[in-house]
């Protein structure tokens, strides 16, 4: 979902600094809460794991340009289920930054837009999880419809933000609408595939009950709240 260079230019790009800053502060609030509850070491360990995974998702997994952006298999819901919201958010930001610094410096001007596009849907996913998953249900016991709701929330949020940046930067023109629709249509495949990956990961996690108290994993993964 890397926004194409040139989509938002000039003074308009200042807005992305504000949205990314707000999203970053919200993520830091969650990180601080996790550090108080479980310790800084757990936060650091999970964040390193998610950063490595996000970097791998961006660099290794298939990705291709469509319309105004790139289609990536980001697996945001997978990161959330395995490691929790705050480590997932930190990993998304640091993984994106690492890729930009060392492999895609042309993406750095769009960093604020990309951070916003990745984090705000993650926070929406977190909210949906809180409303749709019963308090005494471990994540490994989720049903397909619940996993689909989480994945669809995250991917729909990405499409909405990409569309926002496109219309904000280029105006509401026929060409922009066409490119946004192309991107949104391509992301339907991700919406179909990601829940299946999540279910496969959760099924594999069922065999890890000896790690139910592991600091590396989100406690809710193998334990009822």
C-alpha atoms as a PDB file:
ATOM      1  CA  UNK A   1       0.000   0.000   0.000  1.00  0.00           C
ATOM      2  CA  UNK A   2       2.931   2.337  -0.538  1.00  0.00           C
ATOM      3  CA  UNK A   3       1.503   5.589  -1.862  1.00  0.00           C
ATOM      4  CA  UNK A   4       3.046   6.466  -5.209  1.00  0.00           C
ATOM      5  CA  UNK A   5       5.520   9.379  -5.166  1.00  0.00           C
ATOM      6  CA  UNK A   6       3.913  12.564  -6.405  1.00  0.00           C
ATOM      7  CA  UNK A   7       0.342  11.706  -5.411  1.00  0.00           C
ATOM      8  CA  UNK A   8       0.461  14.363  -2.662  1.00  0.00           C
ATOM      9  CA  UNK A   9       2.878  17.225  -3.199  1.00  0.00           C
ATOM     10  CA  UNK A  10       3.909  20.602  -1.829  1.00  0.00           C
ATOM     11  CA  UNK A  11       2.246  21.994   1.264  1.00  0.00           C
ATOM     12  CA  UNK A  12      -0.472  19.354   1.134  1.00  0.00           C
ATOM     13  CA  UNK A  13       1.954  16.758   2.421  1.00  0.00           C
ATOM     14  CA  UNK A  14       2.063  18.575   5.787  1.00  0.00           C
ATOM     15  CA  UNK A  15      -1.281  16.960   6.648  1.00  0.00           C
ATOM     16  CA  UNK A  16       0.378  13.546   6.588  1.00  0.00           C
ATOM     17  CA  UNK A  17       2.794  14.661   9.297  1.00  0.00           C
ATOM     18  CA  UNK A  18      -0.153  15.521  11.526  1.00  0.00           C
ATOM     19  CA  UNK A  19      -2.080  12.299  10.912  1.00  0.00           C
ATOM     20  CA  UNK A  20       1.037  10.149  11.341  1.00  0.00           C
ATOM     21  CA  UNK A  21       1.965  12.020  14.515  1.00  0.00           C
ATOM     22  CA  UNK A  22      -1.495  11.482  15.993  1.00  0.00           C
ATOM     23  CA  UNK A  23      -1.428   7.791  15.067  1.00  0.00           C
ATOM     24  CA  UNK A  24       2.070   7.466  16.494  1.00  0.00           C
ATOM     25  CA  UNK A  25       1.059   9.029  19.798  1.00  0.00           C
ATOM     26  CA  UNK A  26      -1.886   6.651  20.068  1.00  0.00           C
ATOM     27  CA  UNK A  27       0.432   3.720  19.381  1.00  0.00           C
ATOM     28  CA  UNK A  28       2.868   4.945  22.039  1.00  0.00           C
ATOM     29  CA  UNK A  29       0.004   5.125  24.531  1.00  0.00           C
ATOM     30  CA  UNK A  30      -0.717   1.462  23.897  1.00  0.00           C
ATOM     31  CA  UNK A  31       2.972   0.616  24.092  1.00  0.00           C
ATOM     32  CA  UNK A  32       3.299   2.410  27.433  1.00  0.00           C
ATOM     33  CA  UNK A  33       0.294   0.505  28.775  1.00  0.00           C
ATOM     34  CA  UNK A  34       1.800  -2.838  27.690  1.00  0.00           C
ATOM     35  CA  UNK A  35       5.165  -1.906  29.228  1.00  0.00           C
ATOM     36  CA  UNK A  36       3.495  -1.105  32.558  1.00  0.00           C
ATOM     37  CA  UNK A  37       1.526  -4.355  32.543  1.00  0.00           C
ATOM     38  CA  UNK A  38       4.098  -6.821  31.222  1.00  0.00           C
ATOM     39  CA  UNK A  39       7.438  -4.993  31.296  1.00  0.00           C
ATOM     40  CA  UNK A  40       9.620  -3.151  28.805  1.00  0.00           C
ATOM     41  CA  UNK A  41      11.464  -6.326  27.871  1.00  0.00           C
ATOM     42  CA  UNK A  42       8.274  -7.938  26.568  1.00  0.00           C
ATOM     43  CA  UNK A  43       7.382  -4.826  24.592  1.00  0.00           C
ATOM     44  CA  UNK A  44      10.866  -4.714  23.073  1.00  0.00           C
ATOM     45  CA  UNK A  45      10.925  -8.430  22.220  1.00  0.00           C
ATOM     46  CA  UNK A  46       7.532  -8.386  20.527  1.00  0.00           C
ATOM     47  CA  UNK A  47       8.326  -5.172  18.678  1.00  0.00           C
ATOM     48  CA  UNK A  48      11.559  -6.627  17.301  1.00  0.00           C
ATOM     49  CA  UNK A  49       9.646  -9.696  16.135  1.00  0.00           C
ATOM     50  CA  UNK A  50       6.939  -7.670  14.420  1.00  0.00           C
ATOM     51  CA  UNK A  51       9.492  -5.340  12.817  1.00  0.00           C
ATOM     52  CA  UNK A  52      11.341  -8.294  11.308  1.00  0.00           C
ATOM     53  CA  UNK A  53       8.090  -9.802  10.052  1.00  0.00           C
ATOM     54  CA  UNK A  54       6.807  -6.548   8.545  1.00  0.00           C
ATOM     55  CA  UNK A  55      10.096  -5.962   6.770  1.00  0.00           C
ATOM     56  CA  UNK A  56       9.840  -9.496   5.376  1.00  0.00           C
ATOM     57  CA  UNK A  57       6.235  -8.927   4.287  1.00  0.00           C
ATOM     58  CA  UNK A  58       7.231  -5.792   2.388  1.00  0.00           C
ATOM     59  CA  UNK A  59      10.436  -7.075   0.839  1.00  0.00           C
ATOM     60  CA  UNK A  60       9.904 -10.802   0.306  1.00  0.00           C
ATOM     61  CA  UNK A  61       6.205 -11.495  -0.154  1.00  0.00           C
ATOM     62  CA  UNK A  62       4.718 -10.760  -3.606  1.00  0.00           C
ATOM     63  CA  UNK A  63       3.694  -7.140  -4.169  1.00  0.00           C
ATOM     64  CA  UNK A  64       2.741  -5.298  -7.303  1.00  0.00           C
ATOM     65  CA  UNK A  65       1.679  -1.770  -8.300  1.00  0.00           C
ATOM     66  CA  UNK A  66      -2.009  -1.243  -9.038  1.00  0.00           C
ATOM     67  CA  UNK A  67      -3.545   2.145  -9.718  1.00  0.00           C
ATOM     68  CA  UNK A  68      -2.266   4.658  -7.197  1.00  0.00           C
ATOM     69  CA  UNK A  69      -0.397   2.346  -4.859  1.00  0.00           C
ATOM     70  CA  UNK A  70       1.030  -1.138  -4.349  1.00  0.00           C
ATOM     71  CA  UNK A  71      -0.843  -4.223  -3.230  1.00  0.00           C
ATOM     72  CA  UNK A  72       0.961  -5.921  -0.335  1.00  0.00           C
ATOM     73  CA  UNK A  73       0.094  -8.898   1.823  1.00  0.00           C
ATOM     74  CA  UNK A  74       0.710  -6.997   5.051  1.00  0.00           C
ATOM     75  CA  UNK A  75      -1.005  -9.468   7.428  1.00  0.00           C
ATOM     76  CA  UNK A  76      -1.937  -6.772   9.918  1.00  0.00           C
ATOM     77  CA  UNK A  77      -4.600  -8.940  11.565  1.00  0.00           C
ATOM     78  CA  UNK A  78      -2.081 -11.785  11.906  1.00  0.00           C
ATOM     79  CA  UNK A  79       0.371  -9.504  13.719  1.00  0.00           C
ATOM     80  CA  UNK A  80      -2.419  -8.285  15.996  1.00  0.00           C
ATOM     81  CA  UNK A  81      -3.550 -11.802  16.915  1.00  0.00           C
ATOM     82  CA  UNK A  82      -0.036 -13.079  17.593  1.00  0.00           C
ATOM     83  CA  UNK A  83       1.599 -10.104  19.305  1.00  0.00           C
ATOM     84  CA  UNK A  84      -1.070  -7.555  20.252  1.00  0.00           C
ATOM     85  CA  UNK A  85      -1.949  -4.095  18.980  1.00  0.00           C
ATOM     86  CA  UNK A  86       0.976  -2.041  20.317  1.00  0.00           C
ATOM     87  CA  UNK A  87       3.796  -4.334  19.118  1.00  0.00           C
ATOM     88  CA  UNK A  88       2.032  -4.697  15.772  1.00  0.00           C
ATOM     89  CA  UNK A  89       1.871  -0.912  15.425  1.00  0.00           C
ATOM     90  CA  UNK A  90       5.534  -0.473  16.329  1.00  0.00           C
ATOM     91  CA  UNK A  91       6.532  -3.227  13.926  1.00  0.00           C
ATOM     92  CA  UNK A  92       4.561  -1.684  11.086  1.00  0.00           C
ATOM     93  CA  UNK A  93       6.237   1.690  11.577  1.00  0.00           C
ATOM     94  CA  UNK A  94       9.792   0.383  12.059  1.00  0.00           C
ATOM     95  CA  UNK A  95       9.487  -2.218   9.296  1.00  0.00           C
ATOM     96  CA  UNK A  96       8.278   0.458   6.901  1.00  0.00           C
ATOM     97  CA  UNK A  97      11.042   2.834   7.995  1.00  0.00           C
ATOM     98  CA  UNK A  98      13.738   0.164   7.588  1.00  0.00           C
ATOM     99  CA  UNK A  99      12.586  -0.594   4.081  1.00  0.00           C
ATOM    100  CA  UNK A 100      12.541   3.091   3.208  1.00  0.00           C
ATOM    101  CA  UNK A 101      15.979   3.833   4.612  1.00  0.00           C
ATOM    102  CA  UNK A 102      17.809   0.914   3.044  1.00  0.00           C
ATOM    103  CA  UNK A 103      15.820  -0.269   0.034  1.00  0.00           C
ATOM    104  CA  UNK A 104      13.248   2.324  -1.056  1.00  0.00           C
ATOM    105  CA  UNK A 105      14.398   5.866  -0.219  1.00  0.00           C
ATOM    106  CA  UNK A 106      11.966   7.219  -2.805  1.00  0.00           C
ATOM    107  CA  UNK A 107       9.184   6.207  -0.386  1.00  0.00           C
ATOM    108  CA  UNK A 108      10.450   8.334   2.509  1.00  0.00           C
ATOM    109  CA  UNK A 109       8.567  11.526   1.487  1.00  0.00           C
ATOM    110  CA  UNK A 110       5.373   9.460   1.689  1.00  0.00           C
ATOM    111  CA  UNK A 111       6.309   7.989   5.069  1.00  0.00           C
ATOM    112  CA  UNK A 112       3.696   9.962   7.010  1.00  0.00           C
ATOM    113  CA  UNK A 113       0.934   8.910   4.621  1.00  0.00           C
ATOM    114  CA  UNK A 114       2.010   5.286   4.701  1.00  0.00           C
ATOM    115  CA  UNK A 115       2.242   5.243   8.499  1.00  0.00           C
ATOM    116  CA  UNK A 116      -1.249   6.686   8.787  1.00  0.00           C
ATOM    117  CA  UNK A 117      -2.588   4.210   6.248  1.00  0.00           C
ATOM    118  CA  UNK A 118      -1.123   1.269   8.189  1.00  0.00           C
ATOM    119  CA  UNK A 119      -1.835   2.307  11.778  1.00  0.00           C
ATOM    120  CA  UNK A 120      -5.337   3.792  11.772  1.00  0.00           C
ATOM    121  CA  UNK A 121      -6.890   0.601  10.302  1.00  0.00           C
ATOM    122  CA  UNK A 122      -4.996  -1.394  12.946  1.00  0.00           C
ATOM    123  CA  UNK A 123      -6.620   0.661  15.683  1.00  0.00           C
ATOM    124  CA  UNK A 124     -10.008   0.103  14.020  1.00  0.00           C
ATOM    125  CA  UNK A 125      -9.275  -3.646  13.943  1.00  0.00           C
ATOM    126  CA  UNK A 126      -8.480  -3.517  17.664  1.00  0.00           C
ATOM    127  CA  UNK A 127     -11.811  -1.830  18.355  1.00  0.00           C
ATOM    128  CA  UNK A 128     -13.724  -4.371  16.255  1.00  0.00           C
ATOM    129  CA  UNK A 129     -11.981  -7.228  18.081  1.00  0.00           C
ATOM    130  CA  UNK A 130     -13.079  -5.778  21.406  1.00  0.00           C
ATOM    131  CA  UNK A 131     -16.704  -5.656  20.269  1.00  0.00           C
ATOM    132  CA  UNK A 132     -16.976  -8.938  18.364  1.00  0.00           C
ATOM    133  CA  UNK A 133     -14.833 -11.397  20.352  1.00  0.00           C
ATOM    134  CA  UNK A 134     -16.379 -12.671  23.564  1.00  0.00           C
ATOM    135  CA  UNK A 135     -14.336 -11.894  26.708  1.00  0.00           C
ATOM    136  CA  UNK A 136     -13.628 -15.541  27.523  1.00  0.00           C
ATOM    137  CA  UNK A 137     -12.530 -16.615  24.049  1.00  0.00           C
ATOM    138  CA  UNK A 138      -8.896 -17.255  23.197  1.00  0.00           C
ATOM    139  CA  UNK A 139      -7.866 -16.133  19.732  1.00  0.00           C
ATOM    140  CA  UNK A 140      -7.024 -19.695  18.701  1.00  0.00           C
ATOM    141  CA  UNK A 141     -10.739 -20.510  19.091  1.00  0.00           C
ATOM    142  CA  UNK A 142     -11.987 -17.801  16.743  1.00  0.00           C
ATOM    143  CA  UNK A 143     -14.356 -18.724  13.935  1.00  0.00           C
ATOM    144  CA  UNK A 144     -13.865 -17.830  10.286  1.00  0.00           C
ATOM    145  CA  UNK A 145     -16.465 -15.063  10.356  1.00  0.00           C
ATOM    146  CA  UNK A 146     -14.665 -13.371  13.251  1.00  0.00           C
ATOM    147  CA  UNK A 147     -11.284 -13.585  11.568  1.00  0.00           C
ATOM    148  CA  UNK A 148     -12.828 -12.315   8.330  1.00  0.00           C
ATOM    149  CA  UNK A 149     -14.281  -9.317  10.179  1.00  0.00           C
ATOM    150  CA  UNK A 150     -10.855  -8.424  11.556  1.00  0.00           C
ATOM    151  CA  UNK A 151      -9.072  -8.802   8.234  1.00  0.00           C
ATOM    152  CA  UNK A 152     -11.791  -6.990   6.289  1.00  0.00           C
ATOM    153  CA  UNK A 153     -11.699  -4.102   8.755  1.00  0.00           C
ATOM    154  CA  UNK A 154      -7.958  -3.704   8.349  1.00  0.00           C
ATOM    155  CA  UNK A 155      -7.863  -4.026   4.566  1.00  0.00           C
ATOM    156  CA  UNK A 156     -10.908  -1.800   4.058  1.00  0.00           C
ATOM    157  CA  UNK A 157      -9.234   0.823   6.216  1.00  0.00           C
ATOM    158  CA  UNK A 158      -6.136   0.691   4.033  1.00  0.00           C
ATOM    159  CA  UNK A 159      -8.207   1.148   0.871  1.00  0.00           C
ATOM    160  CA  UNK A 160     -10.122   4.069   2.401  1.00  0.00           C
ATOM    161  CA  UNK A 161      -6.929   5.862   3.423  1.00  0.00           C
ATOM    162  CA  UNK A 162      -5.239   5.271   0.083  1.00  0.00           C
ATOM    163  CA  UNK A 163      -8.340   6.681  -1.607  1.00  0.00           C
ATOM    164  CA  UNK A 164      -8.292   9.678   0.725  1.00  0.00           C
ATOM    165  CA  UNK A 165      -4.672  10.518  -0.102  1.00  0.00           C
ATOM    166  CA  UNK A 166      -5.361  10.129  -3.815  1.00  0.00           C
ATOM    167  CA  UNK A 167      -8.369  12.437  -3.858  1.00  0.00           C
ATOM    168  CA  UNK A 168      -6.713  14.871  -1.462  1.00  0.00           C
ATOM    169  CA  UNK A 169      -3.614  15.111  -3.622  1.00  0.00           C
ATOM    170  CA  UNK A 170      -5.002  14.755  -7.142  1.00  0.00           C
ATOM    171  CA  UNK A 171      -8.580  15.940  -6.850  1.00  0.00           C
ATOM    172  CA  UNK A 172     -11.807  14.098  -7.607  1.00  0.00           C
ATOM    173  CA  UNK A 173     -11.226  13.383 -11.279  1.00  0.00           C
ATOM    174  CA  UNK A 174     -12.297  10.503 -13.498  1.00  0.00           C
ATOM    175  CA  UNK A 175      -8.694   9.325 -13.790  1.00  0.00           C
ATOM    176  CA  UNK A 176      -8.222   9.311 -10.023  1.00  0.00           C
ATOM    177  CA  UNK A 177     -11.501   7.482  -9.471  1.00  0.00           C
ATOM    178  CA  UNK A 178     -10.446   4.834 -11.971  1.00  0.00           C
ATOM    179  CA  UNK A 179      -7.081   4.325 -10.291  1.00  0.00           C
ATOM    180  CA  UNK A 180      -8.662   4.127  -6.833  1.00  0.00           C
ATOM    181  CA  UNK A 181     -11.198   1.563  -8.032  1.00  0.00           C
ATOM    182  CA  UNK A 182      -8.424  -0.491  -9.605  1.00  0.00           C
ATOM    183  CA  UNK A 183      -6.504  -0.510  -6.344  1.00  0.00           C
ATOM    184  CA  UNK A 184      -9.595  -1.332  -4.265  1.00  0.00           C
ATOM    185  CA  UNK A 185     -10.545  -4.166  -6.594  1.00  0.00           C
ATOM    186  CA  UNK A 186      -7.078  -5.665  -6.389  1.00  0.00           C
ATOM    187  CA  UNK A 187      -7.252  -5.601  -2.599  1.00  0.00           C
ATOM    188  CA  UNK A 188     -10.308  -7.862  -2.646  1.00  0.00           C
ATOM    189  CA  UNK A 189      -7.913 -10.736  -3.212  1.00  0.00           C
ATOM    190  CA  UNK A 190      -6.064  -9.839  -0.031  1.00  0.00           C
ATOM    191  CA  UNK A 191      -9.363  -9.749   1.888  1.00  0.00           C
ATOM    192  CA  UNK A 192     -10.063 -13.290   0.694  1.00  0.00           C
ATOM    193  CA  UNK A 193      -6.591 -14.678   1.356  1.00  0.00           C
ATOM    194  CA  UNK A 194      -5.635 -13.074   4.672  1.00  0.00           C
ATOM    195  CA  UNK A 195      -8.382 -14.697   6.828  1.00  0.00           C
ATOM    196  CA  UNK A 196      -7.308 -18.110   5.549  1.00  0.00           C
ATOM    197  CA  UNK A 197      -3.715 -17.342   6.528  1.00  0.00           C
ATOM    198  CA  UNK A 198      -4.899 -16.153   9.945  1.00  0.00           C
ATOM    199  CA  UNK A 199      -6.876 -19.353  10.494  1.00  0.00           C
ATOM    200  CA  UNK A 200      -3.892 -21.462   9.457  1.00  0.00           C
ATOM    201  CA  UNK A 201      -1.636 -19.550  11.863  1.00  0.00           C
ATOM    202  CA  UNK A 202      -4.182 -19.883  14.683  1.00  0.00           C
ATOM    203  CA  UNK A 203      -4.581 -23.603  13.985  1.00  0.00           C
ATOM    204  CA  UNK A 204      -0.817 -24.005  14.247  1.00  0.00           C
ATOM    205  CA  UNK A 205      -0.795 -21.967  17.443  1.00  0.00           C
ATOM    206  CA  UNK A 206      -3.156 -24.480  19.091  1.00  0.00           C
ATOM    207  CA  UNK A 207      -0.190 -26.815  19.380  1.00  0.00           C
ATOM    208  CA  UNK A 208       1.768 -24.234  21.357  1.00  0.00           C
ATOM    209  CA  UNK A 209      -0.093 -24.419  24.651  1.00  0.00           C
ATOM    210  CA  UNK A 210       3.206 -24.962  26.441  1.00  0.00           C
ATOM    211  CA  UNK A 211       3.924 -21.373  25.393  1.00  0.00           C
ATOM    212  CA  UNK A 212       0.643 -19.967  26.705  1.00  0.00           C
ATOM    213  CA  UNK A 213       2.551 -17.847  29.203  1.00  0.00           C
ATOM    214  CA  UNK A 214       5.356 -16.945  26.800  1.00  0.00           C
ATOM    215  CA  UNK A 215       6.197 -13.229  26.915  1.00  0.00           C
ATOM    216  CA  UNK A 216       6.745 -13.261  23.150  1.00  0.00           C
ATOM    217  CA  UNK A 217       3.098 -13.941  22.307  1.00  0.00           C
ATOM    218  CA  UNK A 218      -0.043 -11.973  23.004  1.00  0.00           C
ATOM    219  CA  UNK A 219      -1.522 -13.510  26.170  1.00  0.00           C
ATOM    220  CA  UNK A 220      -5.003 -13.615  24.626  1.00  0.00           C
ATOM    221  CA  UNK A 221      -3.752 -15.848  21.819  1.00  0.00           C
ATOM    222  CA  UNK A 222      -3.853 -18.995  23.955  1.00  0.00           C
ATOM    223  CA  UNK A 223      -5.679 -17.779  27.062  1.00  0.00           C
ATOM    224  CA  UNK A 224      -9.226 -16.578  27.614  1.00  0.00           C
ATOM    225  CA  UNK A 225      -9.326 -12.991  28.821  1.00  0.00           C
END
